[in-house]
Amino acid sequence: SVGSSVAPGHVGSLRNKHAYLRSSGSDTGTSIVDSSKRQRPDGDDDNDAQDCFLMGSLLVDNNPGAYSSGGWIWTHCKNFAALYPGKSRVDNLSDIEQYQKEFREKHDQTLTARKSHELIIELAKKHNVLHGKWLLNVKPESAGEIWPKIRNACISGKLGSTAKISDQPENKNGSFVICAYTNNFTDKEDVLRVRRAIRELGLYTKSALHYKPDAITLLDIYAGDMKGVRTTVYSCGGGATKERLEDDECECLVESYTKCTRAAGCPRCYPKCKGL
């Protein structure tokens, strides 16, 4: 059953995995691997640094702060509300349904990709469907090293309230997908805080990450769908491209579909224009 509110990422995710969870503070989840079989192939199951490993193509995490549900391995920060007053919130299920309904009513196939993207963001803000996530694509040989860093940082309160990783490779490149959530994509300060925290873990220090609102995922829109509708709203980090200046220090959150004015108050760059 589904409650009256939905925690980050619990509705409409990659491969339409519907993982409806009770709450970020009390979830126990269900394991996709029998406990008697969740041992490392080499038998070394006592080392916390080795609690995450591949069993064939399946990623297994034996850490007590993680659990499997709906094709994902999840973790939460139970103290998030205390650590970040005013930042803890959920997307209400009725708001999500109204958002989806209004999008279906208003979306016209003749709209350009940009106009479709703008409609999604406008309706997401209107209906308070605000969860979103930084997306990390991880090669199989690195999943057992990178995911524990994200998991532990989330549990300890360095990231957002929730993080998850696909338990098997997800995309055409054969990578695992990690989602590092924030509770409000309009809160640029918090979105940037989490991106910088990922960098401080020593991850993606020289490459850009992209941020996708749940509002886009809830419409089952993925990269390449709907005539090229952009599926992310922010990017941050990495070297210079046609769209961004170099930002290895993650100083700036760059907004999609917005031009850099290279002036104070630039609408594209947060907290200040990178082009100044």
C-alpha atoms as a PDB file:
ATOM      1  CA  SER A   1       0.000   0.000   0.000  1.00  0.00           C
ATOM      2  CA  VAL A   2       0.988   3.627  -0.481  1.00  0.00           C
ATOM      3  CA  GLY A   3       0.858   6.203   2.283  1.00  0.00           C
ATOM      4  CA  SER A   4      -0.152   9.833   1.985  1.00  0.00           C
ATOM      5  CA  SER A   5       3.338  10.990   1.191  1.00  0.00           C
ATOM      6  CA  VAL A   6       6.242   9.700  -0.801  1.00  0.00           C
ATOM      7  CA  ALA A   7       9.893   9.883   0.160  1.00  0.00           C
ATOM      8  CA  PRO A   8      12.534  10.710  -2.466  1.00  0.00           C
ATOM      9  CA  GLY A   9      12.606   8.528  -5.527  1.00  0.00           C
ATOM     10  CA  HIS A  10       9.982   6.084  -4.333  1.00  0.00           C
ATOM     11  CA  VAL A  11       7.683   6.513  -7.298  1.00  0.00           C
ATOM     12  CA  GLY A  12       8.693   6.153 -10.913  1.00  0.00           C
ATOM     13  CA  SER A  13      12.376   5.379 -11.231  1.00  0.00           C
ATOM     14  CA  LEU A  14      14.613   3.653 -13.789  1.00  0.00           C
ATOM     15  CA  ARG A  15      12.930   0.608 -15.346  1.00  0.00           C
ATOM     16  CA  ASN A  16       9.687   1.717 -13.624  1.00  0.00           C
ATOM     17  CA  LYS A  17      10.785   0.194 -10.325  1.00  0.00           C
ATOM     18  CA  HIS A  18       8.089   1.253  -7.881  1.00  0.00           C
ATOM     19  CA  ALA A  19       9.595   1.205  -4.399  1.00  0.00           C
ATOM     20  CA  TYR A  20       6.951   2.576  -2.053  1.00  0.00           C
ATOM     21  CA  LEU A  21       8.483   2.934   1.404  1.00  0.00           C
ATOM     22  CA  ARG A  22       6.936   3.673   4.751  1.00  0.00           C
ATOM     23  CA  SER A  23       9.238   6.430   5.994  1.00  0.00           C
ATOM     24  CA  SER A  24      12.904   7.337   5.919  1.00  0.00           C
ATOM     25  CA  GLY A  25      13.171   6.844   9.670  1.00  0.00           C
ATOM     26  CA  SER A  26      11.601   3.403  10.030  1.00  0.00           C
ATOM     27  CA  ASP A  27      12.142   1.538   6.757  1.00  0.00           C
ATOM     28  CA  THR A  28      13.438  -1.948   7.102  1.00  0.00           C
ATOM     29  CA  GLY A  29      12.906  -2.945   3.473  1.00  0.00           C
ATOM     30  CA  THR A  30      13.159  -6.464   2.121  1.00  0.00           C
ATOM     31  CA  SER A  31      16.254  -8.259   0.954  1.00  0.00           C
ATOM     32  CA  ILE A  32      16.512  -9.548  -2.598  1.00  0.00           C
ATOM     33  CA  VAL A  33      19.125 -12.074  -1.500  1.00  0.00           C
ATOM     34  CA  ASP A  34      18.488 -14.650   1.205  1.00  0.00           C
ATOM     35  CA  SER A  35      20.553 -13.833   4.302  1.00  0.00           C
ATOM     36  CA  SER A  36      22.186 -17.230   4.229  1.00  0.00           C
ATOM     37  CA  LYS A  37      23.529 -16.427   0.750  1.00  0.00           C
ATOM     38  CA  ARG A  38      24.661 -12.853   1.409  1.00  0.00           C
ATOM     39  CA  GLN A  39      28.239 -13.861   2.153  1.00  0.00           C
ATOM     40  CA  ARG A  40      31.265 -12.692   0.217  1.00  0.00           C
ATOM     41  CA  PRO A  41      32.425 -15.369  -2.228  1.00  0.00           C
ATOM     42  CA  ASP A  42      35.765 -15.458  -0.384  1.00  0.00           C
ATOM     43  CA  GLY A  43      34.042 -15.873   2.980  1.00  0.00           C
ATOM     44  CA  ASP A  44      35.376 -12.576   4.394  1.00  0.00           C
ATOM     45  CA  ASP A  45      32.135 -11.087   5.692  1.00  0.00           C
ATOM     46  CA  ASP A  46      33.449  -9.461   8.860  1.00  0.00           C
ATOM     47  CA  ASN A  47      35.348  -6.517   7.390  1.00  0.00           C
ATOM     48  CA  ASP A  48      33.095  -3.448   7.206  1.00  0.00           C
ATOM     49  CA  ALA A  49      35.241  -2.080   4.385  1.00  0.00           C
ATOM     50  CA  GLN A  50      34.295  -5.158   2.361  1.00  0.00           C
ATOM     51  CA  ASP A  51      30.575  -5.299   3.121  1.00  0.00           C
ATOM     52  CA  CYS A  52      29.627  -4.382  -0.451  1.00  0.00           C
ATOM     53  CA  PHE A  53      30.507  -6.621  -3.370  1.00  0.00           C
ATOM     54  CA  LEU A  54      29.311  -8.074  -6.669  1.00  0.00           C
ATOM     55  CA  MET A  55      27.721 -11.496  -6.818  1.00  0.00           C
ATOM     56  CA  GLY A  56      27.767 -12.046 -10.541  1.00  0.00           C
ATOM     57  CA  SER A  57      26.075  -8.917 -11.895  1.00  0.00           C
ATOM     58  CA  LEU A  58      24.148  -8.359  -8.640  1.00  0.00           C
ATOM     59  CA  LEU A  59      25.449  -5.820  -6.137  1.00  0.00           C
ATOM     60  CA  VAL A  60      25.126  -6.952  -2.525  1.00  0.00           C
ATOM     61  CA  ASP A  61      25.401  -4.643   0.487  1.00  0.00           C
ATOM     62  CA  ASN A  62      25.496  -6.231   3.936  1.00  0.00           C
ATOM     63  CA  ASN A  63      25.882  -2.952   5.811  1.00  0.00           C
ATOM     64  CA  PRO A  64      23.150  -2.605   8.491  1.00  0.00           C
ATOM     65  CA  GLY A  65      22.436   0.910   7.262  1.00  0.00           C
ATOM     66  CA  ALA A  66      21.374  -0.319   3.824  1.00  0.00           C
ATOM     67  CA  TYR A  67      18.519  -2.462   2.550  1.00  0.00           C
ATOM     68  CA  SER A  68      17.191  -3.714  -0.796  1.00  0.00           C
ATOM     69  CA  SER A  69      13.790  -2.842  -2.210  1.00  0.00           C
ATOM     70  CA  GLY A  70      12.370  -2.589  -5.712  1.00  0.00           C
ATOM     71  CA  GLY A  71      15.635  -3.323  -7.507  1.00  0.00           C
ATOM     72  CA  TRP A  72      17.613  -0.731  -5.553  1.00  0.00           C
ATOM     73  CA  ILE A  73      19.855  -0.663  -2.502  1.00  0.00           C
ATOM     74  CA  TRP A  74      18.731   2.189  -0.253  1.00  0.00           C
ATOM     75  CA  THR A  75      20.097   4.146   2.658  1.00  0.00           C
ATOM     76  CA  HIS A  76      18.829   7.090   4.737  1.00  0.00           C
ATOM     77  CA  CYS A  77      20.029   9.688   7.172  1.00  0.00           C
ATOM     78  CA  LYS A  78      17.817   9.147  10.207  1.00  0.00           C
ATOM     79  CA  ASN A  79      18.981  12.411  11.814  1.00  0.00           C
ATOM     80  CA  PHE A  80      18.464  14.534   8.707  1.00  0.00           C
ATOM     81  CA  ALA A  81      15.634  16.664  10.153  1.00  0.00           C
ATOM     82  CA  ALA A  82      17.716  17.522  13.225  1.00  0.00           C
ATOM     83  CA  LEU A  83      20.866  18.211  11.228  1.00  0.00           C
ATOM     84  CA  TYR A  84      19.126  20.380   8.634  1.00  0.00           C
ATOM     85  CA  PRO A  85      16.149  22.176  10.210  1.00  0.00           C
ATOM     86  CA  GLY A  86      13.505  23.115   7.693  1.00  0.00           C
ATOM     87  CA  LYS A  87      14.975  20.924   4.951  1.00  0.00           C
ATOM     88  CA  SER A  88      13.063  17.729   5.720  1.00  0.00           C
ATOM     89  CA  ARG A  89       9.971  17.335   3.552  1.00  0.00           C
ATOM     90  CA  VAL A  90       8.168  14.775   1.416  1.00  0.00           C
ATOM     91  CA  ASP A  91       6.298  14.939  -1.872  1.00  0.00           C
ATOM     92  CA  ASN A  92       2.626  14.291  -1.131  1.00  0.00           C
ATOM     93  CA  LEU A  93       1.082  11.507  -3.220  1.00  0.00           C
ATOM     94  CA  SER A  94      -2.034  13.542  -4.012  1.00  0.00           C
ATOM     95  CA  ASP A  95       0.181  16.406  -5.229  1.00  0.00           C
ATOM     96  CA  ILE A  96       2.057  13.982  -7.474  1.00  0.00           C
ATOM     97  CA  GLU A  97      -1.203  12.725  -8.973  1.00  0.00           C
ATOM     98  CA  GLN A  98      -2.444  16.269  -9.608  1.00  0.00           C
ATOM     99  CA  TYR A  99       0.884  17.178 -11.169  1.00  0.00           C
ATOM    100  CA  GLN A 100       0.778  14.195 -13.523  1.00  0.00           C
ATOM    101  CA  LYS A 101      -2.858  14.887 -14.417  1.00  0.00           C
ATOM    102  CA  GLU A 102      -2.254  18.552 -15.238  1.00  0.00           C
ATOM    103  CA  PHE A 103       0.801  17.725 -17.328  1.00  0.00           C
ATOM    104  CA  ARG A 104      -1.198  15.263 -19.424  1.00  0.00           C
ATOM    105  CA  GLU A 105      -3.896  17.889 -19.913  1.00  0.00           C
ATOM    106  CA  LYS A 106      -1.551  20.716 -20.860  1.00  0.00           C
ATOM    107  CA  HIS A 107       1.237  19.005 -22.746  1.00  0.00           C
ATOM    108  CA  ASP A 108       1.004  19.330 -26.511  1.00  0.00           C
ATOM    109  CA  GLN A 109       3.138  17.179 -28.807  1.00  0.00           C
ATOM    110  CA  THR A 110       3.828  20.269 -30.893  1.00  0.00           C
ATOM    111  CA  LEU A 111       5.686  21.906 -28.004  1.00  0.00           C
ATOM    112  CA  THR A 112       9.418  22.262 -28.457  1.00  0.00           C
ATOM    113  CA  ALA A 113      11.754  20.316 -26.171  1.00  0.00           C
ATOM    114  CA  ARG A 114      12.506  23.496 -24.260  1.00  0.00           C
ATOM    115  CA  LYS A 115       8.828  24.419 -23.808  1.00  0.00           C
ATOM    116  CA  SER A 116       8.043  20.888 -22.613  1.00  0.00           C
ATOM    117  CA  HIS A 117      10.880  21.107 -20.094  1.00  0.00           C
ATOM    118  CA  GLU A 118       9.660  24.508 -18.884  1.00  0.00           C
ATOM    119  CA  LEU A 119       6.103  23.169 -18.478  1.00  0.00           C
ATOM    120  CA  ILE A 120       7.369  20.264 -16.363  1.00  0.00           C
ATOM    121  CA  ILE A 121       9.318  22.564 -14.053  1.00  0.00           C
ATOM    122  CA  GLU A 122       6.457  25.057 -13.791  1.00  0.00           C
ATOM    123  CA  LEU A 123       3.945  22.357 -12.812  1.00  0.00           C
ATOM    124  CA  ALA A 124       6.406  20.658 -10.431  1.00  0.00           C
ATOM    125  CA  LYS A 125       6.790  23.913  -8.527  1.00  0.00           C
ATOM    126  CA  LYS A 126       3.045  24.559  -8.593  1.00  0.00           C
ATOM    127  CA  HIS A 127       2.218  21.148  -7.114  1.00  0.00           C
ATOM    128  CA  ASN A 128       5.227  20.923  -4.745  1.00  0.00           C
ATOM    129  CA  VAL A 129       6.717  17.885  -6.446  1.00  0.00           C
ATOM    130  CA  LEU A 130      10.228  18.914  -5.529  1.00  0.00           C
ATOM    131  CA  HIS A 131      12.468  15.923  -4.811  1.00  0.00           C
ATOM    132  CA  GLY A 132      15.452  15.415  -7.072  1.00  0.00           C
ATOM    133  CA  LYS A 133      18.812  13.709  -7.270  1.00  0.00           C
ATOM    134  CA  TRP A 134      22.381  13.940  -8.458  1.00  0.00           C
ATOM    135  CA  LEU A 135      23.018  11.075 -10.894  1.00  0.00           C
ATOM    136  CA  LEU A 136      26.245   9.089 -10.720  1.00  0.00           C
ATOM    137  CA  ASN A 137      26.989   6.431 -13.343  1.00  0.00           C
ATOM    138  CA  VAL A 138      29.365   3.861 -11.897  1.00  0.00           C
ATOM    139  CA  LYS A 139      31.249   1.118 -13.693  1.00  0.00           C
ATOM    140  CA  PRO A 140      30.676  -2.387 -12.245  1.00  0.00           C
ATOM    141  CA  GLU A 141      34.298  -2.730 -11.125  1.00  0.00           C
ATOM    142  CA  SER A 142      33.956   0.511  -9.091  1.00  0.00           C
ATOM    143  CA  ALA A 143      30.473   0.000  -7.605  1.00  0.00           C
ATOM    144  CA  GLY A 144      31.728  -1.803  -4.495  1.00  0.00           C
ATOM    145  CA  GLU A 145      34.093   1.062  -3.746  1.00  0.00           C
ATOM    146  CA  ILE A 146      32.018   4.123  -4.652  1.00  0.00           C
ATOM    147  CA  TRP A 147      28.628   3.105  -3.252  1.00  0.00           C
ATOM    148  CA  PRO A 148      29.896   2.569   0.352  1.00  0.00           C
ATOM    149  CA  LYS A 149      31.342   6.086   0.293  1.00  0.00           C
ATOM    150  CA  ILE A 150      27.984   7.536  -0.757  1.00  0.00           C
ATOM    151  CA  ARG A 151      26.080   5.287   1.654  1.00  0.00           C
ATOM    152  CA  ASN A 152      28.218   6.182   4.660  1.00  0.00           C
ATOM    153  CA  ALA A 153      28.174   9.890   3.824  1.00  0.00           C
ATOM    154  CA  CYS A 154      24.377   9.815   3.597  1.00  0.00           C
ATOM    155  CA  ILE A 155      23.979   7.946   6.882  1.00  0.00           C
ATOM    156  CA  SER A 156      26.296  10.388   8.657  1.00  0.00           C
ATOM    157  CA  GLY A 157      24.425  13.434   7.350  1.00  0.00           C
ATOM    158  CA  LYS A 158      26.947  14.737   4.837  1.00  0.00           C
ATOM    159  CA  LEU A 159      24.586  14.346   1.869  1.00  0.00           C
ATOM    160  CA  GLY A 160      20.797  14.489   1.606  1.00  0.00           C
ATOM    161  CA  SER A 161      18.231  12.393   3.422  1.00  0.00           C
ATOM    162  CA  THR A 162      18.318   9.469   0.984  1.00  0.00           C
ATOM    163  CA  ALA A 163      20.615   7.718  -1.474  1.00  0.00           C
ATOM    164  CA  LYS A 164      20.271   4.567  -3.537  1.00  0.00           C
ATOM    165  CA  ILE A 165      22.095   2.457  -6.119  1.00  0.00           C
ATOM    166  CA  SER A 166      20.643   0.073  -8.691  1.00  0.00           C
ATOM    167  CA  ASP A 167      21.381  -3.490  -7.652  1.00  0.00           C
ATOM    168  CA  GLN A 168      22.283  -4.401 -11.239  1.00  0.00           C
ATOM    169  CA  PRO A 169      23.712  -2.419 -14.169  1.00  0.00           C
ATOM    170  CA  GLU A 170      21.001  -0.118 -15.505  1.00  0.00           C
ATOM    171  CA  ASN A 171      21.866   1.717 -18.671  1.00  0.00           C
ATOM    172  CA  LYS A 172      23.158   0.887 -22.139  1.00  0.00           C
ATOM    173  CA  ASN A 173      26.718   1.448 -20.948  1.00  0.00           C
ATOM    174  CA  GLY A 174      26.350  -1.294 -18.361  1.00  0.00           C
ATOM    175  CA  SER A 175      26.819   1.070 -15.429  1.00  0.00           C
ATOM    176  CA  PHE A 176      25.230   1.060 -12.019  1.00  0.00           C
ATOM    177  CA  VAL A 177      23.254   4.219 -11.244  1.00  0.00           C
ATOM    178  CA  ILE A 178      23.544   6.041  -7.914  1.00  0.00           C
ATOM    179  CA  CYS A 179      20.992   8.677  -6.931  1.00  0.00           C
ATOM    180  CA  ALA A 180      22.011  11.131  -4.219  1.00  0.00           C
ATOM    181  CA  TYR A 181      18.785  12.898  -3.269  1.00  0.00           C
ATOM    182  CA  THR A 182      17.840  16.321  -2.066  1.00  0.00           C
ATOM    183  CA  ASN A 183      14.344  17.180  -0.889  1.00  0.00           C
ATOM    184  CA  ASN A 184      13.808  20.352  -2.908  1.00  0.00           C
ATOM    185  CA  PHE A 185      15.332  21.043  -6.315  1.00  0.00           C
ATOM    186  CA  THR A 186      14.447  24.735  -5.999  1.00  0.00           C
ATOM    187  CA  ASP A 187      16.727  24.970  -2.945  1.00  0.00           C
ATOM    188  CA  LYS A 188      19.891  25.624  -4.934  1.00  0.00           C
ATOM    189  CA  GLU A 189      21.995  26.109  -1.832  1.00  0.00           C
ATOM    190  CA  ASP A 190      21.203  22.601  -0.605  1.00  0.00           C
ATOM    191  CA  VAL A 191      21.535  21.068  -4.070  1.00  0.00           C
ATOM    192  CA  LEU A 192      25.001  22.600  -4.410  1.00  0.00           C
ATOM    193  CA  ARG A 193      25.933  21.548  -0.854  1.00  0.00           C
ATOM    194  CA  VAL A 194      25.315  17.895  -1.740  1.00  0.00           C
ATOM    195  CA  ARG A 195      27.291  18.161  -4.992  1.00  0.00           C
ATOM    196  CA  ARG A 196      30.230  19.656  -3.131  1.00  0.00           C
ATOM    197  CA  ALA A 197      29.977  16.912  -0.507  1.00  0.00           C
ATOM    198  CA  ILE A 198      30.249  14.281  -3.239  1.00  0.00           C
ATOM    199  CA  ARG A 199      33.392  15.999  -4.468  1.00  0.00           C
ATOM    200  CA  GLU A 200      34.791  16.080  -0.923  1.00  0.00           C
ATOM    201  CA  LEU A 201      34.470  12.299  -0.862  1.00  0.00           C
ATOM    202  CA  GLY A 202      37.019  12.253  -3.674  1.00  0.00           C
ATOM    203  CA  LEU A 203      34.358  11.339  -6.249  1.00  0.00           C
ATOM    204  CA  TYR A 204      33.812  13.021  -9.621  1.00  0.00           C
ATOM    205  CA  THR A 205      36.351  15.720  -8.849  1.00  0.00           C
ATOM    206  CA  LYS A 206      37.197  16.262 -12.521  1.00  0.00           C
ATOM    207  CA  SER A 207      33.879  15.570 -14.203  1.00  0.00           C
ATOM    208  CA  ALA A 208      30.424  17.104 -14.224  1.00  0.00           C
ATOM    209  CA  LEU A 209      27.401  15.598 -12.535  1.00  0.00           C
ATOM    210  CA  HIS A 210      23.826  16.253 -13.571  1.00  0.00           C
ATOM    211  CA  TYR A 211      20.782  16.759 -11.368  1.00  0.00           C
ATOM    212  CA  LYS A 212      17.366  15.365 -12.299  1.00  0.00           C
ATOM    213  CA  PRO A 213      14.093  16.307 -10.559  1.00  0.00           C
ATOM    214  CA  ASP A 214      11.769  13.464  -9.624  1.00  0.00           C
ATOM    215  CA  ALA A 215       9.091  15.425 -11.488  1.00  0.00           C
ATOM    216  CA  ILE A 216      10.702  14.338 -14.755  1.00  0.00           C
ATOM    217  CA  THR A 217      11.162  10.728 -13.623  1.00  0.00           C
ATOM    218  CA  LEU A 218       7.510  10.588 -12.543  1.00  0.00           C
ATOM    219  CA  LEU A 219       6.505  11.191 -16.159  1.00  0.00           C
ATOM    220  CA  ASP A 220       8.709   8.275 -17.286  1.00  0.00           C
ATOM    221  CA  ILE A 221      10.914  10.649 -19.257  1.00  0.00           C
ATOM    222  CA  TYR A 222      14.522   9.592 -19.733  1.00  0.00           C
ATOM    223  CA  ALA A 223      17.382  10.882 -21.849  1.00  0.00           C
ATOM    224  CA  GLY A 224      16.422  10.697 -25.519  1.00  0.00           C
ATOM    225  CA  ASP A 225      12.666  10.601 -24.873  1.00  0.00           C
ATOM    226  CA  MET A 226      10.037  13.148 -25.935  1.00  0.00           C
ATOM    227  CA  LYS A 227      11.894  14.722 -28.858  1.00  0.00           C
ATOM    228  CA  GLY A 228      14.991  15.502 -26.874  1.00  0.00           C
ATOM    229  CA  VAL A 229      13.430  17.035 -23.763  1.00  0.00           C
ATOM    230  CA  ARG A 230      16.254  17.799 -21.338  1.00  0.00           C
ATOM    231  CA  THR A 231      15.889  15.508 -18.337  1.00  0.00           C
ATOM    232  CA  THR A 232      18.146  17.418 -15.937  1.00  0.00           C
ATOM    233  CA  VAL A 233      17.929  20.940 -14.520  1.00  0.00           C
ATOM    234  CA  TYR A 234      21.444  21.502 -13.182  1.00  0.00           C
ATOM    235  CA  SER A 235      25.034  20.481 -13.792  1.00  0.00           C
ATOM    236  CA  CYS A 236      28.089  21.118 -11.679  1.00  0.00           C
ATOM    237  CA  GLY A 237      31.783  20.370 -11.816  1.00  0.00           C
ATOM    238  CA  GLY A 238      34.210  19.245 -14.468  1.00  0.00           C
ATOM    239  CA  GLY A 239      36.080  20.809 -17.311  1.00  0.00           C
ATOM    240  CA  ALA A 240      34.945  23.433 -19.769  1.00  0.00           C
ATOM    241  CA  THR A 241      32.345  22.582 -22.429  1.00  0.00           C
ATOM    242  CA  LYS A 242      30.212  24.600 -24.832  1.00  0.00           C
ATOM    243  CA  GLU A 243      27.687  24.927 -22.012  1.00  0.00           C
ATOM    244  CA  ARG A 244      29.941  25.433 -18.981  1.00  0.00           C
ATOM    245  CA  LEU A 245      33.200  26.999 -17.931  1.00  0.00           C
ATOM    246  CA  GLU A 246      35.718  24.854 -16.053  1.00  0.00           C
ATOM    247  CA  ASP A 247      34.628  24.248 -12.477  1.00  0.00           C
ATOM    248  CA  ASP A 248      36.665  21.482 -10.881  1.00  0.00           C
ATOM    249  CA  GLU A 249      36.034  23.027  -7.446  1.00  0.00           C
ATOM    250  CA  CYS A 250      32.244  22.832  -7.824  1.00  0.00           C
ATOM    251  CA  GLU A 251      31.867  26.534  -7.161  1.00  0.00           C
ATOM    252  CA  CYS A 252      28.837  26.988  -9.374  1.00  0.00           C
ATOM    253  CA  LEU A 253      25.484  25.345 -10.026  1.00  0.00           C
ATOM    254  CA  VAL A 254      24.667  25.749 -13.738  1.00  0.00           C
ATOM    255  CA  GLU A 255      21.002  25.840 -14.742  1.00  0.00           C
ATOM    256  CA  SER A 256      19.760  24.231 -17.952  1.00  0.00           C
ATOM    257  CA  TYR A 257      18.185  26.242 -20.779  1.00  0.00           C
ATOM    258  CA  THR A 258      19.402  29.531 -19.302  1.00  0.00           C
ATOM    259  CA  LYS A 259      22.003  31.816 -20.871  1.00  0.00           C
ATOM    260  CA  CYS A 260      25.018  32.996 -18.937  1.00  0.00           C
ATOM    261  CA  THR A 261      25.076  36.799 -18.872  1.00  0.00           C
ATOM    262  CA  ARG A 262      28.616  37.004 -17.452  1.00  0.00           C
ATOM    263  CA  ALA A 263      27.307  39.667 -15.115  1.00  0.00           C
ATOM    264  CA  ALA A 264      26.126  40.073 -11.547  1.00  0.00           C
ATOM    265  CA  GLY A 265      22.762  38.410 -11.024  1.00  0.00           C
ATOM    266  CA  CYS A 266      23.355  35.914 -13.836  1.00  0.00           C
ATOM    267  CA  PRO A 267      20.254  33.637 -13.993  1.00  0.00           C
ATOM    268  CA  ARG A 268      22.298  30.632 -15.134  1.00  0.00           C
ATOM    269  CA  CYS A 269      25.007  30.486 -12.493  1.00  0.00           C
ATOM    270  CA  TYR A 270      24.496  30.036  -8.734  1.00  0.00           C
ATOM    271  CA  PRO A 271      25.636  31.508  -6.352  1.00  0.00           C
ATOM    272  CA  LYS A 272      27.558  33.857  -8.638  1.00  0.00           C
ATOM    273  CA  CYS A 273      28.363  34.036 -12.305  1.00  0.00           C
ATOM    274  CA  LYS A 274      31.297  31.819 -13.211  1.00  0.00           C
ATOM    275  CA  GLY A 275      32.007  34.054 -16.186  1.00  0.00           C
ATOM    276  CA  LEU A 276      32.881  37.140 -14.122  1.00  0.00           C
END
